[in-house]
Amino acid sequence: MTELYFQRHRRLRHNAGIRSMVKETYLHKEDLIYPIFVAEGENVKNEVQSMPGVFQFSLDYLGTEIDEVVALGIPSVILFGLPAEKDAVGSGAYHDHGIIQKATRFIKERYPNLIVIADTCLCEYTDHGHCGVVEGNQILNDPSLNLLAQTAISQAEAGADIIAPSNMMDGFVAAIRAGLDAAGFEHIPIMPYAVKYASGYYGPFREAADGAPKFGDRKTYQMDPSNRMEAIREATSDVEEGADFLIVKPALAYLDIIRDVKNNFPLPIVAYNVSGEYAMVKAAAINGWIDEKSVVMETLLGMKRAGSDLIITYHAKDVARWLGEK
């Protein structure tokens, strides 16, 4: 037989100990941000039909959920609100008695060291379901900025540790940074949805947050999935305006964008493992078509490998349990 020369890569896969020694990418509990939907009212614990295991909670049920999050070692949550009433300008988003403000105060009184991230948008609070002020069928950019700044200030006053504006209005980071600074919140970081695509993966979230637009779509302010270089332009603007983190949303179909953003900006990069990504895995797991733990861990590792430092994920509680089993 002719003598062969080839590389024996399998030497480094020979047993579990060696594989652990050469592992390149790790997922930690500290990487996880858990989304929670908080609803006005009492005795509310509604499972989201399209997102098994995800619930809308009223404040009287929120304590039990937060107790579990803290016990699992998850260090941060991001809050989304479901108000009792909506109006044309989303006033429930920036009232000091708004649902996010009340939930933030509730959490910080109970667990002051748990990091509370406030989603800063208007769509869940407007009767038209868009992320800004509407005139006719137009979503107005500049008039929306003041309302977003008011929302961020009220969330910071309630005790939010991080402001996460998700509306994709031009100049939203600049407006919020100026508003926070003027109100004495120079120390509060901004985690903008810097690169947010107009995606079909958001469907289950719109059920969970009751935030679907009542007319048209969001393609005039969220990005076209075809575009790559536009993501760099969007992220550049947010960095210049004062962003402290950069979110890429969705994650799974945009791993290349996560890597591009990571390579271009020296800020913590956050991947949003969105509702549709979660729902697909859950549906397949419930039907016995996949091994849920294996697929979830592989997916989130892929997001870390692509360059994300943090991951917003509805799988956070399960992942924390699995990591704790090691």
C-alpha atoms as a PDB file:
ATOM      1  CA  MET A   1       0.000   0.000   0.000  1.00  0.00           C
ATOM      2  CA  THR A   2       1.293   3.432  -0.919  1.00  0.00           C
ATOM      3  CA  GLU A   3       2.312   5.444   2.129  1.00  0.00           C
ATOM      4  CA  LEU A   4      -0.200   8.206   2.733  1.00  0.00           C
ATOM      5  CA  TYR A   5       0.275  11.566   4.400  1.00  0.00           C
ATOM      6  CA  PHE A   6      -2.709  13.337   5.820  1.00  0.00           C
ATOM      7  CA  GLN A   7      -3.730  15.331   8.874  1.00  0.00           C
ATOM      8  CA  ARG A   8      -5.280  13.416  11.799  1.00  0.00           C
ATOM      9  CA  HIS A   9      -7.787  15.990  13.005  1.00  0.00           C
ATOM     10  CA  ARG A  10      -9.692  13.337  14.917  1.00  0.00           C
ATOM     11  CA  ARG A  11      -6.938  13.201  17.551  1.00  0.00           C
ATOM     12  CA  LEU A  12      -8.468  16.299  19.108  1.00  0.00           C
ATOM     13  CA  ARG A  13     -11.918  14.669  19.186  1.00  0.00           C
ATOM     14  CA  HIS A  14     -10.811  11.372  20.699  1.00  0.00           C
ATOM     15  CA  ASN A  15     -12.610  11.748  24.022  1.00  0.00           C
ATOM     16  CA  ALA A  16     -14.763  14.210  25.928  1.00  0.00           C
ATOM     17  CA  GLY A  17     -11.852  15.570  27.941  1.00  0.00           C
ATOM     18  CA  ILE A  18      -9.819  16.482  24.870  1.00  0.00           C
ATOM     19  CA  ARG A  19     -12.849  17.942  23.120  1.00  0.00           C
ATOM     20  CA  SER A  20     -13.426  20.143  26.155  1.00  0.00           C
ATOM     21  CA  MET A  21      -9.795  21.288  26.157  1.00  0.00           C
ATOM     22  CA  VAL A  22      -9.948  22.579  22.586  1.00  0.00           C
ATOM     23  CA  LYS A  23     -13.477  24.010  22.615  1.00  0.00           C
ATOM     24  CA  GLU A  24     -13.455  27.461  21.018  1.00  0.00           C
ATOM     25  CA  THR A  25     -16.895  28.881  21.821  1.00  0.00           C
ATOM     26  CA  TYR A  26     -18.775  28.830  25.110  1.00  0.00           C
ATOM     27  CA  LEU A  27     -22.294  29.728  26.161  1.00  0.00           C
ATOM     28  CA  HIS A  28     -22.712  31.026  29.722  1.00  0.00           C
ATOM     29  CA  LYS A  29     -25.707  32.030  31.818  1.00  0.00           C
ATOM     30  CA  GLU A  30     -24.249  35.533  31.858  1.00  0.00           C
ATOM     31  CA  ASP A  31     -24.825  35.703  28.089  1.00  0.00           C
ATOM     32  CA  LEU A  32     -28.599  35.327  28.449  1.00  0.00           C
ATOM     33  CA  ILE A  33     -31.264  38.033  28.441  1.00  0.00           C
ATOM     34  CA  TYR A  34     -34.786  36.742  29.118  1.00  0.00           C
ATOM     35  CA  PRO A  35     -37.811  38.534  27.575  1.00  0.00           C
ATOM     36  CA  ILE A  36     -40.904  38.931  29.763  1.00  0.00           C
ATOM     37  CA  PHE A  37     -44.355  40.181  28.713  1.00  0.00           C
ATOM     38  CA  VAL A  38     -46.079  42.160  31.457  1.00  0.00           C
ATOM     39  CA  ALA A  39     -49.808  42.904  31.246  1.00  0.00           C
ATOM     40  CA  GLU A  40     -52.098  45.317  33.029  1.00  0.00           C
ATOM     41  CA  GLY A  41     -54.754  43.794  35.241  1.00  0.00           C
ATOM     42  CA  GLU A  42     -54.850  41.046  37.827  1.00  0.00           C
ATOM     43  CA  ASN A  43     -54.753  37.259  37.786  1.00  0.00           C
ATOM     44  CA  VAL A  44     -53.263  37.212  34.281  1.00  0.00           C
ATOM     45  CA  LYS A  45     -51.062  34.315  33.276  1.00  0.00           C
ATOM     46  CA  ASN A  46     -51.843  33.678  29.626  1.00  0.00           C
ATOM     47  CA  GLU A  47     -49.723  31.290  27.624  1.00  0.00           C
ATOM     48  CA  VAL A  48     -48.929  32.627  24.163  1.00  0.00           C
ATOM     49  CA  GLN A  49     -50.476  30.074  21.818  1.00  0.00           C
ATOM     50  CA  SER A  50     -47.728  30.287  19.211  1.00  0.00           C
ATOM     51  CA  MET A  51     -44.946  30.281  21.834  1.00  0.00           C
ATOM     52  CA  PRO A  52     -45.384  27.318  24.201  1.00  0.00           C
ATOM     53  CA  GLY A  53     -43.853  28.045  27.578  1.00  0.00           C
ATOM     54  CA  VAL A  54     -44.032  31.840  27.168  1.00  0.00           C
ATOM     55  CA  PHE A  55     -46.662  33.756  29.138  1.00  0.00           C
ATOM     56  CA  GLN A  56     -48.146  37.188  29.611  1.00  0.00           C
ATOM     57  CA  PHE A  57     -48.019  38.035  33.329  1.00  0.00           C
ATOM     58  CA  SER A  58     -49.845  40.595  35.418  1.00  0.00           C
ATOM     59  CA  LEU A  59     -47.869  42.062  38.313  1.00  0.00           C
ATOM     60  CA  ASP A  60     -49.416  39.679  40.831  1.00  0.00           C
ATOM     61  CA  TYR A  61     -47.895  36.753  38.901  1.00  0.00           C
ATOM     62  CA  LEU A  62     -44.659  38.480  37.946  1.00  0.00           C
ATOM     63  CA  GLY A  63     -42.977  37.832  41.291  1.00  0.00           C
ATOM     64  CA  THR A  64     -43.034  34.059  40.852  1.00  0.00           C
ATOM     65  CA  GLU A  65     -41.552  34.356  37.368  1.00  0.00           C
ATOM     66  CA  ILE A  66     -38.794  36.687  38.536  1.00  0.00           C
ATOM     67  CA  ASP A  67     -38.014  34.410  41.490  1.00  0.00           C
ATOM     68  CA  GLU A  68     -37.425  31.578  39.022  1.00  0.00           C
ATOM     69  CA  VAL A  69     -35.266  33.715  36.733  1.00  0.00           C
ATOM     70  CA  VAL A  70     -33.030  34.746  39.624  1.00  0.00           C
ATOM     71  CA  ALA A  71     -32.846  31.209  41.039  1.00  0.00           C
ATOM     72  CA  LEU A  72     -31.660  29.962  37.646  1.00  0.00           C
ATOM     73  CA  GLY A  73     -28.849  32.520  37.587  1.00  0.00           C
ATOM     74  CA  ILE A  74     -30.116  34.529  34.609  1.00  0.00           C
ATOM     75  CA  PRO A  75     -28.666  38.017  35.163  1.00  0.00           C
ATOM     76  CA  SER A  76     -30.958  40.189  33.048  1.00  0.00           C
ATOM     77  CA  VAL A  77     -34.467  40.513  31.666  1.00  0.00           C
ATOM     78  CA  ILE A  78     -36.004  42.686  28.960  1.00  0.00           C
ATOM     79  CA  LEU A  79     -39.566  43.870  29.527  1.00  0.00           C
ATOM     80  CA  PHE A  80     -42.381  44.288  27.013  1.00  0.00           C
ATOM     81  CA  GLY A  81     -45.673  45.832  28.096  1.00  0.00           C
ATOM     82  CA  LEU A  82     -49.331  45.184  27.345  1.00  0.00           C
ATOM     83  CA  PRO A  83     -51.307  48.260  28.423  1.00  0.00           C
ATOM     84  CA  ALA A  84     -54.984  48.289  29.321  1.00  0.00           C
ATOM     85  CA  GLU A  85     -55.657  51.091  26.843  1.00  0.00           C
ATOM     86  CA  LYS A  86     -54.055  52.354  23.647  1.00  0.00           C
ATOM     87  CA  ASP A  87     -54.177  55.688  21.848  1.00  0.00           C
ATOM     88  CA  ALA A  88     -52.808  57.387  18.750  1.00  0.00           C
ATOM     89  CA  VAL A  89     -49.596  58.582  20.402  1.00  0.00           C
ATOM     90  CA  GLY A  90     -48.875  55.594  22.664  1.00  0.00           C
ATOM     91  CA  SER A  91     -49.107  57.602  25.863  1.00  0.00           C
ATOM     92  CA  GLY A  92     -49.047  54.428  27.953  1.00  0.00           C
ATOM     93  CA  ALA A  93     -45.408  54.023  26.978  1.00  0.00           C
ATOM     94  CA  TYR A  94     -44.229  57.146  28.811  1.00  0.00           C
ATOM     95  CA  HIS A  95     -46.611  57.568  31.762  1.00  0.00           C
ATOM     96  CA  ASP A  96     -44.958  57.084  35.134  1.00  0.00           C
ATOM     97  CA  HIS A  97     -47.738  54.602  35.899  1.00  0.00           C
ATOM     98  CA  GLY A  98     -47.297  52.693  32.622  1.00  0.00           C
ATOM     99  CA  ILE A  99     -47.069  48.931  32.847  1.00  0.00           C
ATOM    100  CA  ILE A 100     -43.318  48.787  32.112  1.00  0.00           C
ATOM    101  CA  GLN A 101     -42.651  51.466  34.700  1.00  0.00           C
ATOM    102  CA  LYS A 102     -44.703  49.609  37.324  1.00  0.00           C
ATOM    103  CA  ALA A 103     -43.073  46.283  36.464  1.00  0.00           C
ATOM    104  CA  THR A 104     -39.603  47.812  36.648  1.00  0.00           C
ATOM    105  CA  ARG A 105     -40.212  49.273  40.089  1.00  0.00           C
ATOM    106  CA  PHE A 106     -41.687  45.943  41.231  1.00  0.00           C
ATOM    107  CA  ILE A 107     -38.637  43.984  40.040  1.00  0.00           C
ATOM    108  CA  LYS A 108     -36.028  46.418  41.360  1.00  0.00           C
ATOM    109  CA  GLU A 109     -37.650  46.473  44.799  1.00  0.00           C
ATOM    110  CA  ARG A 110     -37.564  42.680  44.879  1.00  0.00           C
ATOM    111  CA  TYR A 111     -34.178  42.084  43.220  1.00  0.00           C
ATOM    112  CA  PRO A 112     -32.153  45.307  42.939  1.00  0.00           C
ATOM    113  CA  ASN A 113     -29.207  43.504  41.321  1.00  0.00           C
ATOM    114  CA  LEU A 114     -31.220  41.935  38.498  1.00  0.00           C
ATOM    115  CA  ILE A 115     -30.552  43.968  35.354  1.00  0.00           C
ATOM    116  CA  VAL A 116     -33.797  45.335  33.929  1.00  0.00           C
ATOM    117  CA  ILE A 117     -33.735  46.301  30.260  1.00  0.00           C
ATOM    118  CA  ALA A 118     -36.711  48.322  29.059  1.00  0.00           C
ATOM    119  CA  ASP A 119     -37.897  47.874  25.495  1.00  0.00           C
ATOM    120  CA  THR A 120     -38.463  51.446  24.337  1.00  0.00           C
ATOM    121  CA  CYS A 121     -41.048  51.622  21.579  1.00  0.00           C
ATOM    122  CA  LEU A 122     -44.582  52.818  20.921  1.00  0.00           C
ATOM    123  CA  CYS A 123     -46.114  49.997  18.868  1.00  0.00           C
ATOM    124  CA  GLU A 124     -47.500  48.093  21.867  1.00  0.00           C
ATOM    125  CA  TYR A 125     -49.196  51.288  23.090  1.00  0.00           C
ATOM    126  CA  THR A 126     -50.569  52.841  19.883  1.00  0.00           C
ATOM    127  CA  ASP A 127     -54.031  52.037  18.572  1.00  0.00           C
ATOM    128  CA  HIS A 128     -52.597  51.811  15.044  1.00  0.00           C
ATOM    129  CA  GLY A 129     -49.762  49.455  16.035  1.00  0.00           C
ATOM    130  CA  HIS A 130     -46.926  51.422  14.455  1.00  0.00           C
ATOM    131  CA  CYS A 131     -43.701  52.437  16.171  1.00  0.00           C
ATOM    132  CA  GLY A 132     -44.162  56.181  15.770  1.00  0.00           C
ATOM    133  CA  VAL A 133     -46.566  59.031  15.189  1.00  0.00           C
ATOM    134  CA  VAL A 134     -48.917  58.457  12.257  1.00  0.00           C
ATOM    135  CA  GLU A 135     -50.389  61.018   9.898  1.00  0.00           C
ATOM    136  CA  GLY A 136     -52.654  59.522   7.281  1.00  0.00           C
ATOM    137  CA  ASN A 137     -50.798  56.388   6.248  1.00  0.00           C
ATOM    138  CA  GLN A 138     -47.349  57.863   6.919  1.00  0.00           C
ATOM    139  CA  ILE A 139     -45.194  57.065   9.940  1.00  0.00           C
ATOM    140  CA  LEU A 140     -43.586  60.379  10.851  1.00  0.00           C
ATOM    141  CA  ASN A 141     -39.971  60.157  11.914  1.00  0.00           C
ATOM    142  CA  ASP A 142     -39.076  63.396  13.686  1.00  0.00           C
ATOM    143  CA  PRO A 143     -42.297  63.899  15.713  1.00  0.00           C
ATOM    144  CA  SER A 144     -41.797  60.362  17.052  1.00  0.00           C
ATOM    145  CA  LEU A 145     -38.376  61.131  18.526  1.00  0.00           C
ATOM    146  CA  ASN A 146     -39.636  63.307  21.355  1.00  0.00           C
ATOM    147  CA  LEU A 147     -42.099  60.630  22.460  1.00  0.00           C
ATOM    148  CA  LEU A 148     -39.365  58.001  22.417  1.00  0.00           C
ATOM    149  CA  ALA A 149     -37.130  60.224  24.537  1.00  0.00           C
ATOM    150  CA  GLN A 150     -39.995  60.768  26.995  1.00  0.00           C
ATOM    151  CA  THR A 151     -40.498  57.009  27.168  1.00  0.00           C
ATOM    152  CA  ALA A 152     -36.813  56.368  27.867  1.00  0.00           C
ATOM    153  CA  ILE A 153     -36.720  59.004  30.620  1.00  0.00           C
ATOM    154  CA  SER A 154     -39.802  57.574  32.340  1.00  0.00           C
ATOM    155  CA  GLN A 155     -38.305  54.079  32.181  1.00  0.00           C
ATOM    156  CA  ALA A 156     -35.027  55.303  33.669  1.00  0.00           C
ATOM    157  CA  GLU A 157     -36.916  57.129  36.415  1.00  0.00           C
ATOM    158  CA  ALA A 158     -38.663  53.845  37.245  1.00  0.00           C
ATOM    159  CA  GLY A 159     -35.287  52.144  37.698  1.00  0.00           C
ATOM    160  CA  ALA A 160     -34.469  50.560  34.334  1.00  0.00           C
ATOM    161  CA  ASP A 161     -30.770  49.774  34.069  1.00  0.00           C
ATOM    162  CA  ILE A 162     -30.603  49.802  30.262  1.00  0.00           C
ATOM    163  CA  ILE A 163     -32.792  51.444  27.616  1.00  0.00           C
ATOM    164  CA  ALA A 164     -33.398  49.341  24.484  1.00  0.00           C
ATOM    165  CA  PRO A 165     -35.117  51.375  21.739  1.00  0.00           C
ATOM    166  CA  SER A 166     -36.564  49.100  19.068  1.00  0.00           C
ATOM    167  CA  ASN A 167     -38.434  51.473  16.760  1.00  0.00           C
ATOM    168  CA  MET A 168     -35.840  52.070  13.996  1.00  0.00           C
ATOM    169  CA  MET A 169     -36.659  55.748  13.603  1.00  0.00           C
ATOM    170  CA  ASP A 170     -33.729  57.744  12.184  1.00  0.00           C
ATOM    171  CA  GLY A 171     -32.037  59.626  15.003  1.00  0.00           C
ATOM    172  CA  PHE A 172     -33.679  57.633  17.787  1.00  0.00           C
ATOM    173  CA  VAL A 173     -30.439  57.014  19.670  1.00  0.00           C
ATOM    174  CA  ALA A 174     -29.422  60.679  19.473  1.00  0.00           C
ATOM    175  CA  ALA A 175     -32.823  61.814  20.757  1.00  0.00           C
ATOM    176  CA  ILE A 176     -32.872  59.325  23.606  1.00  0.00           C
ATOM    177  CA  ARG A 177     -29.262  60.049  24.595  1.00  0.00           C
ATOM    178  CA  ALA A 178     -29.960  63.769  24.704  1.00  0.00           C
ATOM    179  CA  GLY A 179     -33.142  63.235  26.702  1.00  0.00           C
ATOM    180  CA  LEU A 180     -31.528  60.904  29.225  1.00  0.00           C
ATOM    181  CA  ASP A 181     -28.538  63.208  29.703  1.00  0.00           C
ATOM    182  CA  ALA A 182     -30.713  66.282  30.199  1.00  0.00           C
ATOM    183  CA  ALA A 183     -32.757  64.398  32.813  1.00  0.00           C
ATOM    184  CA  GLY A 184     -29.662  63.396  34.784  1.00  0.00           C
ATOM    185  CA  PHE A 185     -29.357  59.835  33.463  1.00  0.00           C
ATOM    186  CA  GLU A 186     -25.956  60.133  31.783  1.00  0.00           C
ATOM    187  CA  HIS A 187     -25.000  56.806  33.364  1.00  0.00           C
ATOM    188  CA  ILE A 188     -27.830  54.816  31.745  1.00  0.00           C
ATOM    189  CA  PRO A 189     -26.615  52.874  28.679  1.00  0.00           C
ATOM    190  CA  ILE A 190     -28.566  52.534  25.439  1.00  0.00           C
ATOM    191  CA  MET A 191     -28.931  49.146  23.753  1.00  0.00           C
ATOM    192  CA  PRO A 192     -30.566  50.009  20.416  1.00  0.00           C
ATOM    193  CA  TYR A 193     -32.020  47.592  17.928  1.00  0.00           C
ATOM    194  CA  ALA A 194     -29.399  48.946  15.564  1.00  0.00           C
ATOM    195  CA  VAL A 195     -29.963  46.417  12.790  1.00  0.00           C
ATOM    196  CA  LYS A 196     -33.589  45.307  12.705  1.00  0.00           C
ATOM    197  CA  TYR A 197     -34.960  43.656   9.598  1.00  0.00           C
ATOM    198  CA  ALA A 198     -38.568  43.588   8.423  1.00  0.00           C
ATOM    199  CA  SER A 199     -38.932  39.895   9.104  1.00  0.00           C
ATOM    200  CA  GLY A 200     -41.494  37.132   8.870  1.00  0.00           C
ATOM    201  CA  TYR A 201     -39.957  35.697  12.038  1.00  0.00           C
ATOM    202  CA  TYR A 202     -41.784  38.254  14.213  1.00  0.00           C
ATOM    203  CA  GLY A 203     -45.263  36.744  13.880  1.00  0.00           C
ATOM    204  CA  PRO A 204     -45.527  35.056  17.285  1.00  0.00           C
ATOM    205  CA  PHE A 205     -44.193  38.148  19.065  1.00  0.00           C
ATOM    206  CA  ARG A 206     -47.012  40.221  17.634  1.00  0.00           C
ATOM    207  CA  GLU A 207     -49.457  37.831  19.277  1.00  0.00           C
ATOM    208  CA  ALA A 208     -47.526  37.932  22.555  1.00  0.00           C
ATOM    209  CA  ALA A 209     -47.249  41.736  22.665  1.00  0.00           C
ATOM    210  CA  ASP A 210     -50.501  42.541  20.830  1.00  0.00           C
ATOM    211  CA  GLY A 211     -48.486  44.865  18.617  1.00  0.00           C
ATOM    212  CA  ALA A 212     -49.350  44.067  15.013  1.00  0.00           C
ATOM    213  CA  PRO A 213     -49.823  47.146  12.807  1.00  0.00           C
ATOM    214  CA  LYS A 214     -53.444  47.892  11.952  1.00  0.00           C
ATOM    215  CA  PHE A 215     -52.538  49.003   8.419  1.00  0.00           C
ATOM    216  CA  GLY A 216     -49.625  48.479   6.074  1.00  0.00           C
ATOM    217  CA  ASP A 217     -46.358  47.098   7.358  1.00  0.00           C
ATOM    218  CA  ARG A 218     -43.081  48.314   8.868  1.00  0.00           C
ATOM    219  CA  LYS A 219     -40.940  48.169   5.762  1.00  0.00           C
ATOM    220  CA  THR A 220     -40.445  51.943   5.626  1.00  0.00           C
ATOM    221  CA  TYR A 221     -38.487  51.855   8.881  1.00  0.00           C
ATOM    222  CA  GLN A 222     -37.285  48.265   9.341  1.00  0.00           C
ATOM    223  CA  MET A 223     -34.605  46.969   6.987  1.00  0.00           C
ATOM    224  CA  ASP A 224     -34.939  44.961   3.786  1.00  0.00           C
ATOM    225  CA  PRO A 225     -33.702  41.365   4.372  1.00  0.00           C
ATOM    226  CA  SER A 226     -31.800  41.600   1.074  1.00  0.00           C
ATOM    227  CA  ASN A 227     -29.431  44.269   2.359  1.00  0.00           C
ATOM    228  CA  ARG A 228     -26.078  43.731   4.014  1.00  0.00           C
ATOM    229  CA  MET A 229     -24.126  46.995   3.691  1.00  0.00           C
ATOM    230  CA  GLU A 230     -27.127  48.946   4.950  1.00  0.00           C
ATOM    231  CA  ALA A 231     -26.634  47.203   8.289  1.00  0.00           C
ATOM    232  CA  ILE A 232     -23.216  48.818   8.639  1.00  0.00           C
ATOM    233  CA  ARG A 233     -24.663  52.238   7.838  1.00  0.00           C
ATOM    234  CA  GLU A 234     -27.417  51.779  10.417  1.00  0.00           C
ATOM    235  CA  ALA A 235     -25.026  50.580  13.108  1.00  0.00           C
ATOM    236  CA  THR A 236     -22.561  53.369  12.329  1.00  0.00           C
ATOM    237  CA  SER A 237     -25.259  55.977  12.901  1.00  0.00           C
ATOM    238  CA  ASP A 238     -26.211  54.464  16.253  1.00  0.00           C
ATOM    239  CA  VAL A 239     -22.594  54.334  17.399  1.00  0.00           C
ATOM    240  CA  GLU A 240     -22.042  57.965  16.393  1.00  0.00           C
ATOM    241  CA  GLU A 241     -25.220  58.951  18.265  1.00  0.00           C
ATOM    242  CA  GLY A 242     -24.135  57.297  21.518  1.00  0.00           C
ATOM    243  CA  ALA A 243     -25.093  53.603  21.487  1.00  0.00           C
ATOM    244  CA  ASP A 244     -23.455  51.418  24.137  1.00  0.00           C
ATOM    245  CA  PHE A 245     -24.539  48.060  22.688  1.00  0.00           C
ATOM    246  CA  LEU A 246     -25.755  46.996  19.236  1.00  0.00           C
ATOM    247  CA  ILE A 247     -28.645  44.558  18.707  1.00  0.00           C
ATOM    248  CA  VAL A 248     -29.035  42.536  15.512  1.00  0.00           C
ATOM    249  CA  LYS A 249     -32.574  41.197  14.989  1.00  0.00           C
ATOM    250  CA  PRO A 250     -33.465  38.516  13.962  1.00  0.00           C
ATOM    251  CA  ALA A 251     -30.416  36.343  14.635  1.00  0.00           C
ATOM    252  CA  LEU A 252     -30.687  32.977  12.930  1.00  0.00           C
ATOM    253  CA  ALA A 253     -31.097  34.145   9.323  1.00  0.00           C
ATOM    254  CA  TYR A 254     -28.636  37.024   9.865  1.00  0.00           C
ATOM    255  CA  LEU A 255     -25.540  35.385  11.327  1.00  0.00           C
ATOM    256  CA  ASP A 256     -23.474  37.005   8.584  1.00  0.00           C
ATOM    257  CA  ILE A 257     -24.733  40.400   9.721  1.00  0.00           C
ATOM    258  CA  ILE A 258     -23.814  39.636  13.330  1.00  0.00           C
ATOM    259  CA  ARG A 259     -20.287  38.849  12.185  1.00  0.00           C
ATOM    260  CA  ASP A 260     -20.113  42.004  10.043  1.00  0.00           C
ATOM    261  CA  VAL A 261     -21.230  44.165  12.961  1.00  0.00           C
ATOM    262  CA  LYS A 262     -18.825  42.424  15.344  1.00  0.00           C
ATOM    263  CA  ASN A 263     -15.920  42.972  12.957  1.00  0.00           C
ATOM    264  CA  ASN A 264     -16.682  46.662  12.489  1.00  0.00           C
ATOM    265  CA  PHE A 265     -17.649  47.953  15.940  1.00  0.00           C
ATOM    266  CA  PRO A 266     -15.905  47.607  19.331  1.00  0.00           C
ATOM    267  CA  LEU A 267     -19.162  47.414  21.295  1.00  0.00           C
ATOM    268  CA  PRO A 268     -20.984  44.464  22.886  1.00  0.00           C
ATOM    269  CA  ILE A 269     -23.084  42.783  20.204  1.00  0.00           C
ATOM    270  CA  VAL A 270     -26.515  41.401  21.109  1.00  0.00           C
ATOM    271  CA  ALA A 271     -28.303  38.763  19.023  1.00  0.00           C
ATOM    272  CA  TYR A 272     -32.088  38.609  19.335  1.00  0.00           C
ATOM    273  CA  ASN A 273     -33.199  34.985  18.996  1.00  0.00           C
ATOM    274  CA  VAL A 274     -36.708  36.028  18.001  1.00  0.00           C
ATOM    275  CA  SER A 275     -40.167  34.563  18.530  1.00  0.00           C
ATOM    276  CA  GLY A 276     -40.444  32.789  15.179  1.00  0.00           C
ATOM    277  CA  GLU A 277     -37.101  31.071  15.714  1.00  0.00           C
ATOM    278  CA  TYR A 278     -38.291  29.937  19.146  1.00  0.00           C
ATOM    279  CA  ALA A 279     -41.696  28.812  17.863  1.00  0.00           C
ATOM    280  CA  MET A 280     -40.220  26.647  15.100  1.00  0.00           C
ATOM    281  CA  VAL A 281     -37.972  24.790  17.529  1.00  0.00           C
ATOM    282  CA  LYS A 282     -40.792  24.330  20.043  1.00  0.00           C
ATOM    283  CA  ALA A 283     -43.213  23.034  17.424  1.00  0.00           C
ATOM    284  CA  ALA A 284     -40.700  20.531  16.084  1.00  0.00           C
ATOM    285  CA  ALA A 285     -39.753  19.401  19.586  1.00  0.00           C
ATOM    286  CA  ILE A 286     -43.388  18.931  20.650  1.00  0.00           C
ATOM    287  CA  ASN A 287     -43.913  16.740  17.585  1.00  0.00           C
ATOM    288  CA  GLY A 288     -40.832  14.686  18.428  1.00  0.00           C
ATOM    289  CA  TRP A 289     -39.026  15.679  15.234  1.00  0.00           C
ATOM    290  CA  ILE A 290     -35.917  17.095  16.914  1.00  0.00           C
ATOM    291  CA  ASP A 291     -34.040  16.910  20.196  1.00  0.00           C
ATOM    292  CA  GLU A 292     -34.891  20.317  21.690  1.00  0.00           C
ATOM    293  CA  LYS A 293     -31.880  20.687  23.968  1.00  0.00           C
ATOM    294  CA  SER A 294     -29.405  19.747  21.256  1.00  0.00           C
ATOM    295  CA  VAL A 295     -30.921  22.085  18.668  1.00  0.00           C
ATOM    296  CA  VAL A 296     -31.295  25.046  21.033  1.00  0.00           C
ATOM    297  CA  MET A 297     -27.744  24.792  22.336  1.00  0.00           C
ATOM    298  CA  GLU A 298     -26.329  24.393  18.834  1.00  0.00           C
ATOM    299  CA  THR A 299     -28.327  27.379  17.596  1.00  0.00           C
ATOM    300  CA  LEU A 300     -27.252  29.688  20.410  1.00  0.00           C
ATOM    301  CA  LEU A 301     -23.640  28.570  20.096  1.00  0.00           C
ATOM    302  CA  GLY A 302     -23.892  29.502  16.421  1.00  0.00           C
ATOM    303  CA  MET A 303     -24.970  32.998  17.425  1.00  0.00           C
ATOM    304  CA  LYS A 304     -22.051  33.266  19.843  1.00  0.00           C
ATOM    305  CA  ARG A 305     -19.649  31.921  17.228  1.00  0.00           C
ATOM    306  CA  ALA A 306     -20.934  34.480  14.722  1.00  0.00           C
ATOM    307  CA  GLY A 307     -19.882  37.224  17.118  1.00  0.00           C
ATOM    308  CA  SER A 308     -22.661  37.948  19.604  1.00  0.00           C
ATOM    309  CA  ASP A 309     -21.659  38.685  23.167  1.00  0.00           C
ATOM    310  CA  LEU A 310     -25.204  38.490  24.545  1.00  0.00           C
ATOM    311  CA  ILE A 311     -28.361  36.722  23.371  1.00  0.00           C
ATOM    312  CA  ILE A 312     -31.960  37.759  23.975  1.00  0.00           C
ATOM    313  CA  THR A 313     -33.793  34.448  23.922  1.00  0.00           C
ATOM    314  CA  TYR A 314     -37.087  32.919  25.048  1.00  0.00           C
ATOM    315  CA  HIS A 315     -35.119  29.712  25.633  1.00  0.00           C
ATOM    316  CA  ALA A 316     -33.148  31.384  28.453  1.00  0.00           C
ATOM    317  CA  LYS A 317     -34.708  29.489  31.367  1.00  0.00           C
ATOM    318  CA  ASP A 318     -34.260  26.110  29.689  1.00  0.00           C
ATOM    319  CA  VAL A 319     -30.706  26.957  28.675  1.00  0.00           C
ATOM    320  CA  ALA A 320     -29.851  28.042  32.221  1.00  0.00           C
ATOM    321  CA  ARG A 321     -31.144  24.699  33.508  1.00  0.00           C
ATOM    322  CA  TRP A 322     -29.150  22.752  30.925  1.00  0.00           C
ATOM    323  CA  LEU A 323     -25.996  24.694  31.687  1.00  0.00           C
ATOM    324  CA  GLY A 324     -26.556  23.975  35.373  1.00  0.00           C
ATOM    325  CA  GLU A 325     -26.610  20.242  34.682  1.00  0.00           C
ATOM    326  CA  LYS A 326     -22.952  20.194  33.677  1.00  0.00           C
END
